[in-house]
């Protein structure tokens, strides 16, 4: 298989994975925000808004790879991903502090617990597949979006703990505290996306897929 053919295959794979990510996160956002509003849960609403941000992030990657030269659109797509992270962090952080200081307590949400558990199962696979394709392509945006998807996995665990502690022990502060964790992690991911990773820099279309993009740690989504 030629380098050009392999690149086209990977770009097509990224588009498919992005489409799957968008579809799931639209559903996740509707369910989480609706359940969060009903239960007065800042964590659930924050989780739903993260899903909205995930959709905007994935849409930015879809826009990038819809063009004839995805690498030419990479910087703009990265900026969109970063700004979406910052917006999420600001909104959820403010709402969480208001809930903590105001003493508002969220109600039990069975729907929220089920949603968090489902995301813990679904999102890691999507993240891994997209990260692997993005690393081989040397695409910072595909890797950044895979980190956004992986973040959803971590936030699912945080949400599950917060909702569970509130439901089982009546710890009303656990819900907004979980939301604050969501906001802090989102801010960090926004900073990383804004800076980008030099080892995943775009390469000319005629060049081989770079070995650094296949192996560098900063493109793995772990750092």
N, C-alpha and C. Protein backbone atom coordinates (compact mmCIF):
# COMPACT_ATOMS: atom_id res chain seq x y z
N UNK A 1 0.86 -1.20 0.00
CA UNK A 1 0.00 0.00 0.00
C UNK A 1 0.89 1.24 0.00
N UNK A 2 0.61 2.19 -0.92
CA UNK A 2 1.43 3.38 -1.01
C UNK A 2 1.12 4.33 0.14
N UNK A 3 2.08 5.25 0.34
CA UNK A 3 1.89 6.23 1.42
C UNK A 3 0.62 7.05 1.20
N UNK A 4 0.40 7.47 -0.06
CA UNK A 4 -0.79 8.25 -0.36
C UNK A 4 -2.07 7.49 -0.09
N UNK A 5 -2.09 6.22 -0.45
CA UNK A 5 -3.27 5.40 -0.21
C UNK A 5 -3.51 5.20 1.28
N UNK A 6 -2.44 4.96 2.01
CA UNK A 6 -2.55 4.78 3.46
C UNK A 6 -3.08 6.05 4.12
N UNK A 7 -2.58 7.19 3.66
CA UNK A 7 -3.03 8.47 4.23
C UNK A 7 -4.52 8.67 3.98
N UNK A 8 -4.96 8.35 2.76
CA UNK A 8 -6.38 8.50 2.43
C UNK A 8 -7.24 7.57 3.29
N UNK A 9 -6.74 6.36 3.55
CA UNK A 9 -7.48 5.42 4.39
C UNK A 9 -7.61 5.93 5.81
N UNK A 10 -6.52 6.48 6.33
CA UNK A 10 -6.55 7.01 7.70
C UNK A 10 -7.46 8.23 7.81
N UNK A 11 -7.42 9.09 6.81
CA UNK A 11 -8.29 10.27 6.83
C UNK A 11 -9.76 9.86 6.78
N UNK A 12 -10.07 8.84 5.99
CA UNK A 12 -11.45 8.34 5.93
C UNK A 12 -11.85 7.73 7.27
N UNK A 13 -10.93 7.03 7.91
CA UNK A 13 -11.21 6.43 9.21
C UNK A 13 -11.48 7.51 10.25
N UNK A 14 -10.70 8.58 10.22
CA UNK A 14 -10.91 9.68 11.16
C UNK A 14 -12.30 10.29 10.96
N UNK A 15 -12.71 10.47 9.69
CA UNK A 15 -14.03 11.04 9.41
C UNK A 15 -15.15 10.15 9.97
N UNK A 16 -14.99 8.83 9.83
CA UNK A 16 -16.01 7.91 10.34
C UNK A 16 -16.08 7.97 11.87
N UNK A 17 -14.92 7.98 12.51
CA UNK A 17 -14.88 8.03 13.97
C UNK A 17 -15.43 9.35 14.50
N UNK A 18 -15.13 10.43 13.79
CA UNK A 18 -15.66 11.73 14.19
C UNK A 18 -17.18 11.73 14.08
N UNK A 19 -17.71 11.13 13.02
CA UNK A 19 -19.16 11.05 12.87
C UNK A 19 -19.80 10.27 14.01
N UNK A 20 -19.17 9.15 14.39
CA UNK A 20 -19.70 8.35 15.50
C UNK A 20 -19.64 9.13 16.81
N UNK A 21 -18.57 9.87 17.00
CA UNK A 21 -18.42 10.68 18.21
C UNK A 21 -19.50 11.77 18.29
N UNK A 22 -19.74 12.42 17.17
CA UNK A 22 -20.77 13.47 17.14
C UNK A 22 -22.14 12.88 17.47
N UNK A 23 -22.47 11.75 16.84
CA UNK A 23 -23.78 11.14 17.07
C UNK A 23 -24.01 10.77 18.52
N UNK A 24 -23.01 10.12 19.13
CA UNK A 24 -23.17 9.71 20.52
C UNK A 24 -23.26 10.91 21.45
N UNK A 25 -22.44 11.92 21.19
CA UNK A 25 -22.41 13.06 22.10
C UNK A 25 -23.64 13.95 22.00
N UNK A 26 -24.27 13.98 20.83
CA UNK A 26 -25.54 14.71 20.73
C UNK A 26 -26.57 14.05 21.65
N UNK A 27 -26.65 12.73 21.59
CA UNK A 27 -27.56 11.99 22.45
C UNK A 27 -27.20 12.19 23.92
N UNK A 28 -25.92 12.10 24.23
CA UNK A 28 -25.44 12.26 25.59
C UNK A 28 -25.76 13.65 26.14
N UNK A 29 -25.59 14.67 25.31
CA UNK A 29 -25.86 16.04 25.75
C UNK A 29 -27.33 16.24 26.08
N UNK A 30 -28.21 15.75 25.20
CA UNK A 30 -29.65 15.93 25.41
C UNK A 30 -30.08 15.25 26.71
N UNK A 31 -29.62 14.01 26.91
CA UNK A 31 -30.01 13.25 28.09
C UNK A 31 -29.44 13.89 29.36
N UNK A 32 -28.15 14.23 29.33
CA UNK A 32 -27.49 14.76 30.53
C UNK A 32 -28.05 16.13 30.95
N UNK A 33 -28.21 17.02 29.99
CA UNK A 33 -28.71 18.35 30.34
C UNK A 33 -30.15 18.28 30.82
N UNK A 34 -30.96 17.44 30.17
CA UNK A 34 -32.34 17.27 30.61
C UNK A 34 -32.43 16.69 32.01
N UNK A 35 -31.65 15.63 32.26
CA UNK A 35 -31.66 15.01 33.59
C UNK A 35 -31.06 15.94 34.63
N UNK A 36 -30.02 16.68 34.24
CA UNK A 36 -29.39 17.61 35.18
C UNK A 36 -30.30 18.75 35.57
N UNK A 37 -31.05 19.27 34.61
CA UNK A 37 -31.99 20.34 34.91
C UNK A 37 -33.10 19.84 35.84
N UNK A 38 -33.55 18.61 35.61
CA UNK A 38 -34.60 18.06 36.45
C UNK A 38 -34.16 17.77 37.87
N UNK A 39 -32.89 17.35 38.02
CA UNK A 39 -32.37 17.00 39.34
C UNK A 39 -31.64 18.16 40.01
N UNK A 40 -31.46 19.27 39.31
CA UNK A 40 -30.70 20.39 39.87
C UNK A 40 -29.24 20.04 40.05
N UNK A 41 -28.69 19.23 39.13
CA UNK A 41 -27.32 18.73 39.24
C UNK A 41 -26.36 19.54 38.38
N UNK A 42 -25.45 20.28 39.01
CA UNK A 42 -24.44 21.04 38.28
C UNK A 42 -23.49 20.10 37.54
N UNK A 43 -23.19 18.94 38.15
CA UNK A 43 -22.28 17.99 37.53
C UNK A 43 -22.89 17.39 36.26
N UNK A 44 -24.17 17.04 36.32
CA UNK A 44 -24.83 16.47 35.14
C UNK A 44 -24.94 17.50 34.02
N UNK A 45 -25.30 18.72 34.37
CA UNK A 45 -25.38 19.77 33.36
C UNK A 45 -24.01 20.03 32.75
N UNK A 46 -22.98 20.07 33.62
CA UNK A 46 -21.62 20.26 33.13
C UNK A 46 -21.18 19.13 32.22
N UNK A 47 -21.57 17.91 32.56
CA UNK A 47 -21.24 16.76 31.74
C UNK A 47 -21.94 16.87 30.38
N UNK A 48 -23.20 17.31 30.40
CA UNK A 48 -23.93 17.49 29.15
C UNK A 48 -23.31 18.58 28.29
N UNK A 49 -22.88 19.67 28.93
CA UNK A 49 -22.24 20.75 28.18
C UNK A 49 -20.90 20.29 27.62
N UNK A 50 -20.19 19.42 28.35
CA UNK A 50 -18.96 18.86 27.81
C UNK A 50 -19.26 18.08 26.54
N UNK A 51 -20.41 17.41 26.50
CA UNK A 51 -20.79 16.67 25.30
C UNK A 51 -21.05 17.63 24.14
N UNK A 52 -21.64 18.79 24.45
CA UNK A 52 -21.84 19.81 23.42
C UNK A 52 -20.49 20.29 22.89
N UNK A 53 -19.54 20.50 23.82
CA UNK A 53 -18.19 20.91 23.42
C UNK A 53 -17.53 19.82 22.60
N UNK A 54 -17.75 18.59 22.97
CA UNK A 54 -17.22 17.46 22.22
C UNK A 54 -17.74 17.47 20.79
N UNK A 55 -19.01 17.80 20.64
CA UNK A 55 -19.60 17.87 19.29
C UNK A 55 -18.93 18.98 18.49
N UNK A 56 -18.72 20.14 19.11
CA UNK A 56 -18.08 21.25 18.39
C UNK A 56 -16.64 20.91 18.04
N UNK A 57 -15.96 20.21 18.94
CA UNK A 57 -14.59 19.78 18.68
C UNK A 57 -14.54 18.80 17.52
N UNK A 58 -15.43 17.79 17.55
CA UNK A 58 -15.47 16.80 16.49
C UNK A 58 -15.88 17.44 15.17
N UNK A 59 -16.79 18.43 15.23
CA UNK A 59 -17.21 19.12 14.02
C UNK A 59 -16.04 19.90 13.41
N UNK A 60 -15.18 20.46 14.27
CA UNK A 60 -14.00 21.17 13.77
C UNK A 60 -13.07 20.22 13.04
N UNK A 61 -12.90 19.01 13.58
CA UNK A 61 -12.06 18.02 12.92
C UNK A 61 -12.71 17.56 11.62
N UNK A 62 -14.05 17.38 11.63
CA UNK A 62 -14.76 16.98 10.41
C UNK A 62 -14.58 18.04 9.33
N UNK A 63 -14.67 19.33 9.72
CA UNK A 63 -14.46 20.42 8.77
C UNK A 63 -13.04 20.37 8.22
N UNK A 64 -12.08 20.12 9.10
CA UNK A 64 -10.70 20.07 8.66
C UNK A 64 -10.48 18.99 7.60
N UNK A 65 -10.99 17.79 7.87
CA UNK A 65 -10.75 16.66 6.98
C UNK A 65 -11.70 16.64 5.78
N UNK A 66 -12.63 17.59 5.73
CA UNK A 66 -13.50 17.68 4.55
C UNK A 66 -12.82 18.45 3.42
N UNK A 67 -11.74 19.17 3.74
CA UNK A 67 -11.03 19.96 2.74
C UNK A 67 -10.04 19.12 1.95
N UNK A 68 -9.57 19.64 0.83
CA UNK A 68 -8.61 18.89 0.01
C UNK A 68 -7.25 18.69 0.69
N UNK A 69 -6.89 19.62 1.57
CA UNK A 69 -5.63 19.51 2.31
C UNK A 69 -5.90 19.74 3.79
N UNK A 70 -6.20 18.66 4.55
CA UNK A 70 -6.54 18.81 5.98
C UNK A 70 -5.49 19.54 6.79
N UNK A 71 -4.21 19.40 6.41
CA UNK A 71 -3.15 20.01 7.19
C UNK A 71 -3.21 21.54 7.14
N UNK A 72 -3.75 22.09 6.05
CA UNK A 72 -3.83 23.54 5.90
C UNK A 72 -4.85 24.14 6.87
N UNK A 73 -5.80 23.33 7.32
CA UNK A 73 -6.85 23.83 8.23
C UNK A 73 -6.58 23.47 9.68
N UNK A 74 -5.46 22.84 9.97
CA UNK A 74 -5.24 22.28 11.29
C UNK A 74 -5.19 23.33 12.39
N UNK A 75 -4.46 24.43 12.18
CA UNK A 75 -4.32 25.44 13.23
C UNK A 75 -5.67 26.03 13.62
N UNK A 76 -6.49 26.34 12.63
CA UNK A 76 -7.81 26.90 12.92
C UNK A 76 -8.66 25.91 13.72
N UNK A 77 -8.63 24.64 13.32
CA UNK A 77 -9.40 23.62 14.03
C UNK A 77 -8.93 23.48 15.47
N UNK A 78 -7.62 23.55 15.69
CA UNK A 78 -7.08 23.46 17.05
C UNK A 78 -7.57 24.62 17.91
N UNK A 79 -7.63 25.81 17.31
CA UNK A 79 -8.10 26.97 18.06
C UNK A 79 -9.57 26.80 18.46
N UNK A 80 -10.37 26.25 17.57
CA UNK A 80 -11.78 26.03 17.88
C UNK A 80 -11.91 25.05 19.04
N UNK A 81 -11.12 23.98 19.02
CA UNK A 81 -11.16 22.98 20.09
C UNK A 81 -10.75 23.62 21.42
N UNK A 82 -9.68 24.42 21.38
CA UNK A 82 -9.19 25.05 22.62
C UNK A 82 -10.22 26.01 23.20
N UNK A 83 -10.80 26.86 22.37
CA UNK A 83 -11.79 27.83 22.84
C UNK A 83 -13.01 27.13 23.43
N UNK A 84 -13.40 26.01 22.81
CA UNK A 84 -14.55 25.27 23.32
C UNK A 84 -14.27 24.72 24.72
N UNK A 85 -13.06 24.28 24.96
CA UNK A 85 -12.66 23.82 26.28
C UNK A 85 -12.73 24.96 27.30
N UNK A 86 -12.19 26.12 26.93
CA UNK A 86 -12.18 27.27 27.84
C UNK A 86 -13.59 27.72 28.19
N UNK A 87 -14.48 27.71 27.21
CA UNK A 87 -15.87 28.11 27.45
C UNK A 87 -16.53 27.16 28.43
N UNK A 88 -16.29 25.87 28.25
CA UNK A 88 -16.85 24.87 29.17
C UNK A 88 -16.33 25.10 30.59
N UNK A 89 -15.01 25.29 30.72
CA UNK A 89 -14.41 25.46 32.04
C UNK A 89 -14.99 26.69 32.75
N UNK A 90 -15.15 27.79 32.02
CA UNK A 90 -15.67 29.01 32.63
C UNK A 90 -17.10 28.85 33.11
N UNK A 91 -17.95 28.28 32.27
CA UNK A 91 -19.35 28.16 32.63
C UNK A 91 -19.56 27.18 33.78
N UNK A 92 -18.99 25.99 33.66
CA UNK A 92 -19.19 24.97 34.68
C UNK A 92 -18.55 25.39 36.01
N UNK A 93 -17.38 26.03 35.93
CA UNK A 93 -16.73 26.50 37.15
C UNK A 93 -17.59 27.49 37.89
N UNK A 94 -18.17 28.45 37.16
CA UNK A 94 -19.01 29.46 37.79
C UNK A 94 -20.27 28.83 38.40
N UNK A 95 -20.92 27.94 37.66
CA UNK A 95 -22.13 27.30 38.16
C UNK A 95 -21.84 26.43 39.39
N UNK A 96 -20.69 25.79 39.40
CA UNK A 96 -20.33 24.93 40.53
C UNK A 96 -20.10 25.74 41.79
N UNK A 97 -19.41 26.87 41.64
CA UNK A 97 -19.15 27.72 42.80
C UNK A 97 -20.44 28.30 43.35
N UNK A 98 -21.34 28.68 42.46
CA UNK A 98 -22.64 29.21 42.91
C UNK A 98 -23.40 28.14 43.69
N UNK A 99 -23.37 26.90 43.18
CA UNK A 99 -24.07 25.81 43.86
C UNK A 99 -23.44 25.51 45.23
N UNK A 100 -22.11 25.54 45.29
CA UNK A 100 -21.42 25.26 46.55
C UNK A 100 -21.70 26.35 47.58
N UNK A 101 -21.56 27.59 47.16
CA UNK A 101 -21.74 28.71 48.10
C UNK A 101 -23.20 28.91 48.47
N UNK A 102 -24.09 28.56 47.53
CA UNK A 102 -25.51 28.76 47.79
C UNK A 102 -26.15 27.63 48.57
N UNK A 103 -25.40 26.52 48.69
CA UNK A 103 -25.91 25.39 49.46
C UNK A 103 -26.99 24.58 48.76
N UNK A 104 -27.13 24.77 47.44
CA UNK A 104 -28.14 24.01 46.69
C UNK A 104 -27.72 22.55 46.59
N UNK A 105 -28.67 21.65 46.78
CA UNK A 105 -28.36 20.22 46.73
C UNK A 105 -29.10 19.56 45.57
N UNK A 106 -28.36 18.73 44.83
CA UNK A 106 -28.95 18.03 43.69
C UNK A 106 -29.74 16.82 44.17
N UNK A 107 -30.76 16.45 43.41
CA UNK A 107 -31.55 15.28 43.73
C UNK A 107 -30.94 14.04 43.09
N UNK A 108 -31.39 12.87 43.54
CA UNK A 108 -30.94 11.60 42.95
C UNK A 108 -31.35 11.55 41.48
N UNK A 109 -30.46 11.02 40.62
CA UNK A 109 -30.77 10.90 39.20
C UNK A 109 -30.34 9.53 38.69
N UNK A 110 -31.31 8.64 38.53
CA UNK A 110 -31.02 7.32 37.98
C UNK A 110 -30.54 7.42 36.54
N UNK A 111 -31.16 8.32 35.78
CA UNK A 111 -30.76 8.51 34.38
C UNK A 111 -29.31 8.95 34.30
N UNK A 112 -28.91 9.87 35.18
CA UNK A 112 -27.53 10.33 35.19
C UNK A 112 -26.54 9.24 35.51
N UNK A 113 -26.88 8.39 36.47
CA UNK A 113 -26.00 7.28 36.84
C UNK A 113 -25.83 6.30 35.68
N UNK A 114 -26.93 5.98 35.01
CA UNK A 114 -26.88 5.04 33.87
C UNK A 114 -26.07 5.65 32.73
N UNK A 115 -26.27 6.94 32.46
CA UNK A 115 -25.55 7.62 31.38
C UNK A 115 -24.05 7.63 31.65
N UNK A 116 -23.67 7.94 32.89
CA UNK A 116 -22.24 7.97 33.23
C UNK A 116 -21.62 6.60 33.06
N UNK A 117 -22.32 5.55 33.48
CA UNK A 117 -21.80 4.19 33.36
C UNK A 117 -21.66 3.79 31.89
N UNK A 118 -22.65 4.17 31.07
CA UNK A 118 -22.61 3.83 29.64
C UNK A 118 -21.42 4.51 28.95
N UNK A 119 -21.17 5.77 29.30
CA UNK A 119 -20.07 6.51 28.69
C UNK A 119 -18.72 5.92 29.09
N UNK A 120 -18.64 5.38 30.29
CA UNK A 120 -17.40 4.73 30.73
C UNK A 120 -17.07 3.52 29.85
N UNK A 121 -18.07 2.91 29.28
CA UNK A 121 -17.87 1.73 28.43
C UNK A 121 -17.60 2.13 26.98
N UNK A 122 -18.33 3.12 26.47
CA UNK A 122 -18.30 3.45 25.05
C UNK A 122 -17.13 4.34 24.65
N UNK A 123 -16.86 5.38 25.43
CA UNK A 123 -15.92 6.41 25.00
C UNK A 123 -14.46 5.98 24.90
N UNK A 124 -13.95 5.08 25.76
CA UNK A 124 -12.54 4.70 25.63
C UNK A 124 -12.21 4.09 24.27
N UNK A 125 -13.11 3.27 23.73
CA UNK A 125 -12.86 2.65 22.43
C UNK A 125 -12.80 3.67 21.31
N UNK A 126 -13.73 4.63 21.33
CA UNK A 126 -13.71 5.67 20.31
C UNK A 126 -12.43 6.51 20.40
N UNK A 127 -12.04 6.84 21.62
CA UNK A 127 -10.84 7.65 21.82
C UNK A 127 -9.59 6.92 21.32
N UNK A 128 -9.47 5.66 21.66
CA UNK A 128 -8.29 4.90 21.26
C UNK A 128 -8.17 4.81 19.74
N UNK A 129 -9.28 4.51 19.08
CA UNK A 129 -9.25 4.34 17.63
C UNK A 129 -8.87 5.65 16.93
N UNK A 130 -9.44 6.76 17.40
CA UNK A 130 -9.14 8.04 16.77
C UNK A 130 -7.71 8.49 17.08
N UNK A 131 -7.26 8.27 18.31
CA UNK A 131 -5.90 8.65 18.67
C UNK A 131 -4.88 7.88 17.84
N UNK A 132 -5.15 6.59 17.64
CA UNK A 132 -4.22 5.76 16.86
C UNK A 132 -4.13 6.25 15.42
N UNK A 133 -5.27 6.54 14.81
CA UNK A 133 -5.27 7.05 13.44
C UNK A 133 -4.62 8.42 13.37
N UNK A 134 -4.91 9.28 14.37
CA UNK A 134 -4.33 10.62 14.39
C UNK A 134 -2.83 10.61 14.55
N UNK A 135 -2.32 9.73 15.39
CA UNK A 135 -0.87 9.63 15.58
C UNK A 135 -0.17 9.19 14.31
N UNK A 136 -0.76 8.22 13.62
CA UNK A 136 -0.14 7.73 12.39
C UNK A 136 -0.17 8.79 11.30
N UNK A 137 -1.23 9.59 11.29
CA UNK A 137 -1.33 10.68 10.32
C UNK A 137 -0.43 11.87 10.68
N UNK A 138 -0.07 11.98 11.95
CA UNK A 138 0.64 13.16 12.41
C UNK A 138 -0.29 14.34 12.54
N UNK A 139 -1.58 14.08 12.86
CA UNK A 139 -2.59 15.13 12.94
C UNK A 139 -2.82 15.55 14.39
N UNK A 140 -2.46 16.79 14.70
CA UNK A 140 -2.66 17.29 16.05
C UNK A 140 -4.14 17.43 16.40
N UNK A 141 -4.95 17.77 15.41
CA UNK A 141 -6.37 17.95 15.70
C UNK A 141 -7.07 16.63 15.99
N UNK A 142 -6.73 15.59 15.23
CA UNK A 142 -7.33 14.29 15.48
C UNK A 142 -6.93 13.77 16.86
N UNK A 143 -5.67 14.01 17.24
CA UNK A 143 -5.20 13.59 18.56
C UNK A 143 -5.88 14.43 19.64
N UNK A 144 -5.99 15.75 19.40
CA UNK A 144 -6.64 16.63 20.39
C UNK A 144 -8.10 16.22 20.58
N UNK A 145 -8.77 15.87 19.48
CA UNK A 145 -10.18 15.47 19.61
C UNK A 145 -10.29 14.13 20.32
N UNK A 146 -9.31 13.24 20.11
CA UNK A 146 -9.33 11.96 20.82
C UNK A 146 -9.13 12.18 22.31
N UNK A 147 -8.36 13.21 22.67
CA UNK A 147 -8.16 13.54 24.07
C UNK A 147 -9.45 14.11 24.66
N UNK A 148 -10.18 14.84 23.84
CA UNK A 148 -11.48 15.34 24.27
C UNK A 148 -12.42 14.17 24.57
N UNK A 149 -12.37 13.16 23.71
CA UNK A 149 -13.20 11.97 23.91
C UNK A 149 -12.74 11.20 25.16
N UNK A 150 -11.42 11.11 25.35
CA UNK A 150 -10.90 10.43 26.54
C UNK A 150 -11.27 11.21 27.80
N UNK A 151 -11.28 12.53 27.69
CA UNK A 151 -11.70 13.36 28.82
C UNK A 151 -13.12 13.00 29.23
N UNK A 152 -13.96 12.72 28.25
CA UNK A 152 -15.34 12.34 28.54
C UNK A 152 -15.38 11.07 29.40
N UNK A 153 -14.42 10.17 29.16
CA UNK A 153 -14.34 8.95 29.97
C UNK A 153 -14.02 9.29 31.42
N UNK A 154 -13.00 10.13 31.61
CA UNK A 154 -12.61 10.53 32.96
C UNK A 154 -13.76 11.25 33.67
N UNK A 155 -14.42 12.13 32.92
CA UNK A 155 -15.51 12.89 33.52
C UNK A 155 -16.70 11.99 33.83
N UNK A 156 -16.86 10.93 33.06
CA UNK A 156 -17.92 9.96 33.37
C UNK A 156 -17.67 9.33 34.73
N UNK A 157 -16.40 9.01 35.00
CA UNK A 157 -16.05 8.43 36.30
C UNK A 157 -16.28 9.43 37.43
N UNK A 158 -15.87 10.69 37.19
CA UNK A 158 -16.06 11.74 38.19
C UNK A 158 -17.56 11.95 38.45
N UNK A 159 -18.33 11.98 37.36
CA UNK A 159 -19.77 12.17 37.48
C UNK A 159 -20.42 11.02 38.24
N UNK A 160 -19.99 9.80 37.93
CA UNK A 160 -20.55 8.62 38.59
C UNK A 160 -20.28 8.66 40.10
N UNK A 161 -19.06 9.06 40.46
CA UNK A 161 -18.70 9.16 41.88
C UNK A 161 -19.52 10.25 42.57
N UNK A 162 -19.62 11.42 41.92
CA UNK A 162 -20.36 12.53 42.51
C UNK A 162 -21.83 12.23 42.69
N UNK A 163 -22.46 11.69 41.63
CA UNK A 163 -23.88 11.35 41.71
C UNK A 163 -24.11 10.22 42.71
N UNK A 164 -23.19 9.25 42.72
CA UNK A 164 -23.33 8.12 43.63
C UNK A 164 -23.21 8.54 45.08
N UNK A 165 -22.24 9.41 45.37
CA UNK A 165 -22.05 9.88 46.75
C UNK A 165 -23.25 10.68 47.22
N UNK A 166 -23.81 11.47 46.31
CA UNK A 166 -24.99 12.26 46.67
C UNK A 166 -26.20 11.35 46.92
N UNK A 167 -26.37 10.33 46.07
CA UNK A 167 -27.53 9.45 46.19
C UNK A 167 -27.42 8.52 47.39
N UNK A 168 -26.21 7.98 47.63
CA UNK A 168 -26.04 6.98 48.68
C UNK A 168 -25.89 7.59 50.07
N UNK A 169 -25.15 8.69 50.15
CA UNK A 169 -24.81 9.25 51.46
C UNK A 169 -25.41 10.63 51.73
N UNK A 170 -26.09 11.17 50.73
CA UNK A 170 -26.67 12.50 50.92
C UNK A 170 -25.65 13.61 50.96
N UNK A 171 -24.50 13.40 50.34
CA UNK A 171 -23.46 14.42 50.32
C UNK A 171 -23.77 15.42 49.20
N UNK A 172 -24.52 16.45 49.52
CA UNK A 172 -24.92 17.42 48.52
C UNK A 172 -23.76 18.16 47.89
N UNK A 173 -22.65 18.31 48.63
CA UNK A 173 -21.50 19.02 48.10
C UNK A 173 -20.74 18.20 47.06
N UNK A 174 -20.98 16.89 47.00
CA UNK A 174 -20.23 16.03 46.08
C UNK A 174 -20.54 16.37 44.63
N UNK A 175 -21.79 16.75 44.34
CA UNK A 175 -22.17 17.05 42.96
C UNK A 175 -21.46 18.29 42.41
N UNK A 176 -21.54 19.46 43.07
CA UNK A 176 -20.82 20.62 42.54
C UNK A 176 -19.31 20.45 42.60
N UNK A 177 -18.81 19.66 43.55
CA UNK A 177 -17.38 19.40 43.60
C UNK A 177 -16.94 18.60 42.38
N UNK A 178 -17.75 17.62 41.99
CA UNK A 178 -17.46 16.86 40.78
C UNK A 178 -17.47 17.78 39.56
N UNK A 179 -18.39 18.73 39.54
CA UNK A 179 -18.47 19.68 38.43
C UNK A 179 -17.23 20.56 38.39
N UNK A 180 -16.70 20.93 39.56
CA UNK A 180 -15.47 21.73 39.58
C UNK A 180 -14.29 20.96 39.01
N UNK A 181 -14.24 19.66 39.27
CA UNK A 181 -13.19 18.82 38.69
C UNK A 181 -13.32 18.82 37.16
N UNK A 182 -14.55 18.72 36.67
CA UNK A 182 -14.80 18.77 35.24
C UNK A 182 -14.27 20.09 34.65
N UNK A 183 -14.55 21.18 35.33
CA UNK A 183 -14.11 22.49 34.85
C UNK A 183 -12.58 22.60 34.83
N UNK A 184 -11.92 22.11 35.88
CA UNK A 184 -10.46 22.19 35.97
C UNK A 184 -9.79 21.38 34.86
N UNK A 185 -10.29 20.18 34.63
CA UNK A 185 -9.71 19.33 33.59
C UNK A 185 -9.94 19.94 32.21
N UNK A 186 -11.12 20.52 32.00
CA UNK A 186 -11.41 21.15 30.72
C UNK A 186 -10.47 22.32 30.45
N UNK A 187 -10.16 23.10 31.49
CA UNK A 187 -9.25 24.23 31.33
C UNK A 187 -7.86 23.75 30.92
N UNK A 188 -7.40 22.67 31.54
CA UNK A 188 -6.08 22.12 31.19
C UNK A 188 -6.06 21.62 29.74
N UNK A 189 -7.11 20.92 29.34
CA UNK A 189 -7.15 20.41 27.97
C UNK A 189 -7.23 21.55 26.97
N UNK A 190 -7.92 22.64 27.33
CA UNK A 190 -7.97 23.80 26.46
C UNK A 190 -6.59 24.41 26.26
N UNK A 191 -5.84 24.50 27.34
CA UNK A 191 -4.48 25.04 27.25
C UNK A 191 -3.60 24.17 26.35
N UNK A 192 -3.71 22.85 26.51
CA UNK A 192 -2.90 21.94 25.71
C UNK A 192 -3.27 22.02 24.23
N UNK A 193 -4.58 22.11 23.95
CA UNK A 193 -5.01 22.19 22.56
C UNK A 193 -4.56 23.51 21.93
N UNK A 194 -4.59 24.60 22.71
CA UNK A 194 -4.18 25.90 22.18
C UNK A 194 -2.70 25.89 21.82
N UNK A 195 -1.88 25.27 22.66
CA UNK A 195 -0.44 25.23 22.40
C UNK A 195 -0.10 24.28 21.28
N UNK A 196 -0.85 23.18 21.15
CA UNK A 196 -0.52 22.17 20.15
C UNK A 196 0.71 21.39 20.56
N UNK A 197 1.07 20.38 19.76
CA UNK A 197 2.24 19.54 20.04
C UNK A 197 3.17 19.58 18.84
N UNK A 198 4.38 20.15 19.01
CA UNK A 198 5.30 20.29 17.87
C UNK A 198 5.67 18.97 17.23
N UNK A 199 5.69 17.88 17.99
CA UNK A 199 6.08 16.60 17.40
C UNK A 199 5.01 16.06 16.47
N UNK A 200 3.82 16.68 16.49
CA UNK A 200 2.75 16.27 15.59
C UNK A 200 2.51 17.33 14.54
N UNK A 201 3.51 18.13 14.24
CA UNK A 201 3.34 19.21 13.28
C UNK A 201 2.96 18.66 11.91
N UNK A 202 2.20 19.47 11.13
CA UNK A 202 1.80 19.02 9.81
C UNK A 202 3.00 18.77 8.91
N UNK A 203 2.86 17.85 7.99
CA UNK A 203 3.93 17.53 7.04
C UNK A 203 3.38 17.68 5.64
N UNK A 204 4.25 17.89 4.63
CA UNK A 204 3.77 18.00 3.26
C UNK A 204 3.02 16.75 2.83
N UNK A 205 2.06 16.92 1.93
CA UNK A 205 1.23 15.80 1.50
C UNK A 205 2.06 14.72 0.82
N UNK A 206 3.20 15.11 0.21
CA UNK A 206 4.02 14.14 -0.50
C UNK A 206 5.00 13.42 0.39
N UNK A 207 5.11 13.86 1.65
CA UNK A 207 6.08 13.25 2.56
C UNK A 207 5.53 11.98 3.17
N UNK A 208 6.43 11.04 3.57
CA UNK A 208 5.97 9.84 4.27
C UNK A 208 5.35 10.23 5.60
N UNK A 209 4.50 9.37 6.12
CA UNK A 209 3.93 9.59 7.45
C UNK A 209 5.07 9.58 8.45
N UNK A 210 5.26 10.66 9.23
CA UNK A 210 6.44 10.77 10.09
C UNK A 210 6.50 9.74 11.19
N UNK A 211 7.70 9.23 11.42
CA UNK A 211 7.88 8.23 12.49
C UNK A 211 7.61 8.85 13.85
N UNK A 212 7.95 10.15 13.99
CA UNK A 212 7.72 10.80 15.30
C UNK A 212 6.26 10.83 15.64
N UNK A 213 5.41 11.02 14.63
CA UNK A 213 3.97 11.07 14.90
C UNK A 213 3.44 9.72 15.29
N UNK A 214 4.17 8.65 14.90
CA UNK A 214 3.71 7.31 15.25
C UNK A 214 4.11 6.92 16.66
N UNK A 215 5.15 7.58 17.22
CA UNK A 215 5.68 7.09 18.48
C UNK A 215 5.76 8.12 19.60
N UNK A 216 5.66 9.43 19.27
CA UNK A 216 5.92 10.42 20.32
C UNK A 216 4.87 10.40 21.40
N UNK A 217 5.31 10.56 22.63
CA UNK A 217 4.41 10.48 23.77
C UNK A 217 3.40 11.61 23.80
N UNK A 218 3.82 12.81 23.34
CA UNK A 218 2.91 13.95 23.43
C UNK A 218 1.73 13.80 22.51
N UNK A 219 1.79 12.88 21.56
CA UNK A 219 0.66 12.63 20.67
C UNK A 219 -0.17 11.46 21.12
N UNK A 220 0.18 10.89 22.25
CA UNK A 220 -0.51 9.68 22.67
C UNK A 220 -1.79 9.97 23.43
N UNK A 221 -1.97 11.23 23.81
CA UNK A 221 -3.15 11.55 24.61
C UNK A 221 -2.91 11.33 26.09
N UNK A 222 -1.69 10.92 26.45
CA UNK A 222 -1.40 10.64 27.85
C UNK A 222 -0.77 11.81 28.55
N UNK A 223 -0.23 12.75 27.80
CA UNK A 223 0.48 13.84 28.45
C UNK A 223 -0.12 15.18 28.15
